[in-house]
Amino acid sequence: QVQLMESGGGLVQPGGSLRLSCAASGSSFRLFVMGWYRQAPGKQRELVGAVTNDGSTNYADSVQGRFSISRDNAKNTVDLQMNSLKPEDTAVYYCNVVHVLVRSLTYWGQGTQVTVSS
């Protein structure tokens, strides 16, 4: 059974930094893309960033240059380093893994709250 355990959310002032971590278990994730999504109140869930097994990354335009995603294939973890945080980054952040060939094989973490406020 695949499980994704997130950690690292919290309250931070504008301009500050946070690091989110996600530990995946229950499968080999060699053929999975690992990523982070977020959902703000009243808005749809959106992709923040994702990383493939070989380290290729992509980011939402809104976080490009401020956020960095990294993956440790040996530990089955994916981290999201968030710098220069803005109030509009406030959302519940979800870890996600999706199989590169079978897109229906996708799993979600429980979510972690990130609040950017002074």
Protein backbone atom coordinates (compact mmCIF):
# COMPACT_ATOMS: atom_id res chain seq x y z
CA GLN A 1 0.00 0.00 0.00
CA VAL A 2 1.49 3.30 -1.08
CA GLN A 3 1.76 5.93 1.62
CA LEU A 4 3.02 9.49 1.37
CA MET A 5 3.99 11.25 4.59
CA GLU A 6 4.46 15.02 4.41
CA SER A 7 6.15 17.32 6.88
CA GLY A 8 7.45 20.85 7.13
CA GLY A 9 4.45 23.15 6.76
CA GLY A 10 3.74 26.08 9.03
CA LEU A 11 3.47 29.83 9.38
CA VAL A 12 6.12 32.08 7.85
CA GLN A 13 6.44 35.79 7.19
CA PRO A 14 6.52 37.15 3.65
CA GLY A 15 9.99 36.81 2.22
CA GLY A 16 10.76 33.84 4.42
CA SER A 17 11.54 30.23 3.58
CA LEU A 18 10.11 26.82 4.31
CA ARG A 19 11.11 23.31 3.30
CA LEU A 20 8.52 20.61 2.75
CA SER A 21 9.44 16.95 2.79
CA CYS A 22 7.56 13.89 1.62
CA ALA A 23 8.52 10.29 2.34
CA ALA A 24 6.99 7.67 0.09
CA SER A 25 6.65 4.00 1.00
CA GLY A 26 4.94 0.84 -0.17
CA SER A 27 6.31 0.58 -3.68
CA SER A 28 9.27 1.12 -5.92
CA PHE A 29 9.01 4.65 -7.23
CA ARG A 30 11.53 4.31 -10.03
CA LEU A 31 8.81 4.78 -12.64
CA PHE A 32 6.95 7.50 -10.78
CA VAL A 33 7.07 11.25 -11.16
CA MET A 34 7.13 12.83 -7.71
CA GLY A 35 5.75 16.27 -7.13
CA TRP A 36 3.96 18.85 -5.06
CA TYR A 37 0.57 20.43 -5.64
CA ARG A 38 -1.23 23.10 -3.69
CA GLN A 39 -4.79 24.20 -3.14
CA ALA A 40 -5.79 27.57 -1.79
CA PRO A 41 -9.29 28.23 -0.41
CA GLY A 42 -11.79 28.56 -3.23
CA LYS A 43 -9.27 27.59 -5.88
CA GLN A 44 -8.46 24.46 -7.82
CA ARG A 45 -5.53 22.27 -6.93
CA GLU A 46 -2.53 23.23 -9.02
CA LEU A 47 0.86 21.77 -9.76
CA VAL A 48 3.72 23.51 -7.97
CA GLY A 49 6.62 21.41 -9.16
CA ALA A 50 7.50 17.88 -10.21
CA VAL A 51 10.64 15.82 -10.68
CA THR A 52 11.26 12.65 -12.67
CA ASN A 53 13.46 9.75 -11.68
CA ASP A 54 16.34 11.16 -13.72
CA GLY A 55 16.05 14.59 -12.11
CA SER A 56 14.16 16.53 -14.75
CA THR A 57 12.01 19.20 -13.16
CA ASN A 58 9.17 21.50 -14.06
CA TYR A 59 7.54 24.29 -12.09
CA ALA A 60 4.49 26.47 -12.14
CA ASP A 61 5.30 29.90 -13.57
CA SER A 62 4.27 31.49 -10.29
CA VAL A 63 7.02 29.75 -8.33
CA GLN A 64 9.78 29.58 -10.95
CA GLY A 65 13.00 30.92 -9.48
CA ARG A 66 11.72 30.86 -5.91
CA PHE A 67 10.95 27.19 -5.31
CA SER A 68 13.20 24.20 -5.88
CA ILE A 69 12.18 20.55 -5.94
CA SER A 70 14.57 17.71 -5.27
CA ARG A 71 14.32 13.96 -5.03
CA ASP A 72 16.31 11.25 -3.31
CA ASN A 73 15.71 8.00 -5.15
CA ALA A 74 17.49 5.91 -2.53
CA LYS A 75 15.24 7.20 0.25
CA ASN A 76 12.07 7.68 -1.84
CA THR A 77 11.75 11.25 -0.71
CA VAL A 78 10.85 14.48 -2.47
CA ASP A 79 11.49 17.89 -0.98
CA LEU A 80 10.25 21.33 -1.89
CA GLN A 81 12.43 24.26 -0.87
CA MET A 82 10.35 27.43 -0.88
CA ASN A 83 12.11 30.78 -0.75
CA SER A 84 10.90 34.37 -1.03
CA LEU A 85 7.46 33.27 0.06
CA LYS A 86 4.50 35.49 -0.71
CA PRO A 87 1.03 35.64 0.86
CA GLU A 88 -0.37 34.17 -2.34
CA ASP A 89 1.65 31.01 -1.68
CA THR A 90 -0.66 30.29 1.24
CA ALA A 91 -2.33 26.94 0.60
CA VAL A 92 -2.49 23.32 1.58
CA TYR A 93 0.42 21.58 -0.11
CA TYR A 94 0.04 17.98 -1.22
CA CYS A 95 2.71 15.47 -2.12
CA ASN A 96 1.90 13.42 -5.22
CA VAL A 97 3.37 10.49 -7.10
CA VAL A 98 2.15 9.37 -10.52
CA HIS A 99 3.30 6.49 -12.69
CA VAL A 100 4.91 7.68 -15.91
CA LEU A 101 3.05 5.13 -18.06
CA VAL A 102 -0.14 4.37 -16.13
CA ARG A 103 -1.44 7.79 -15.19
CA SER A 104 -4.26 6.31 -13.16
CA LEU A 105 -1.65 5.06 -10.71
CA THR A 106 -1.45 8.24 -8.69
CA TYR A 107 -1.30 8.74 -4.95
CA TRP A 108 -1.67 11.73 -2.65
CA GLY A 109 -0.45 12.72 0.75
CA GLN A 110 -2.77 14.12 3.37
CA GLY A 111 -1.62 17.70 2.84
CA THR A 112 0.28 20.19 4.94
CA GLN A 113 -0.73 23.79 5.54
CA VAL A 114 1.58 26.62 4.52
CA THR A 115 0.57 30.09 5.65
CA VAL A 116 2.50 33.18 4.59
CA SER A 117 1.47 36.14 6.69
CA SER A 118 2.93 38.95 8.73
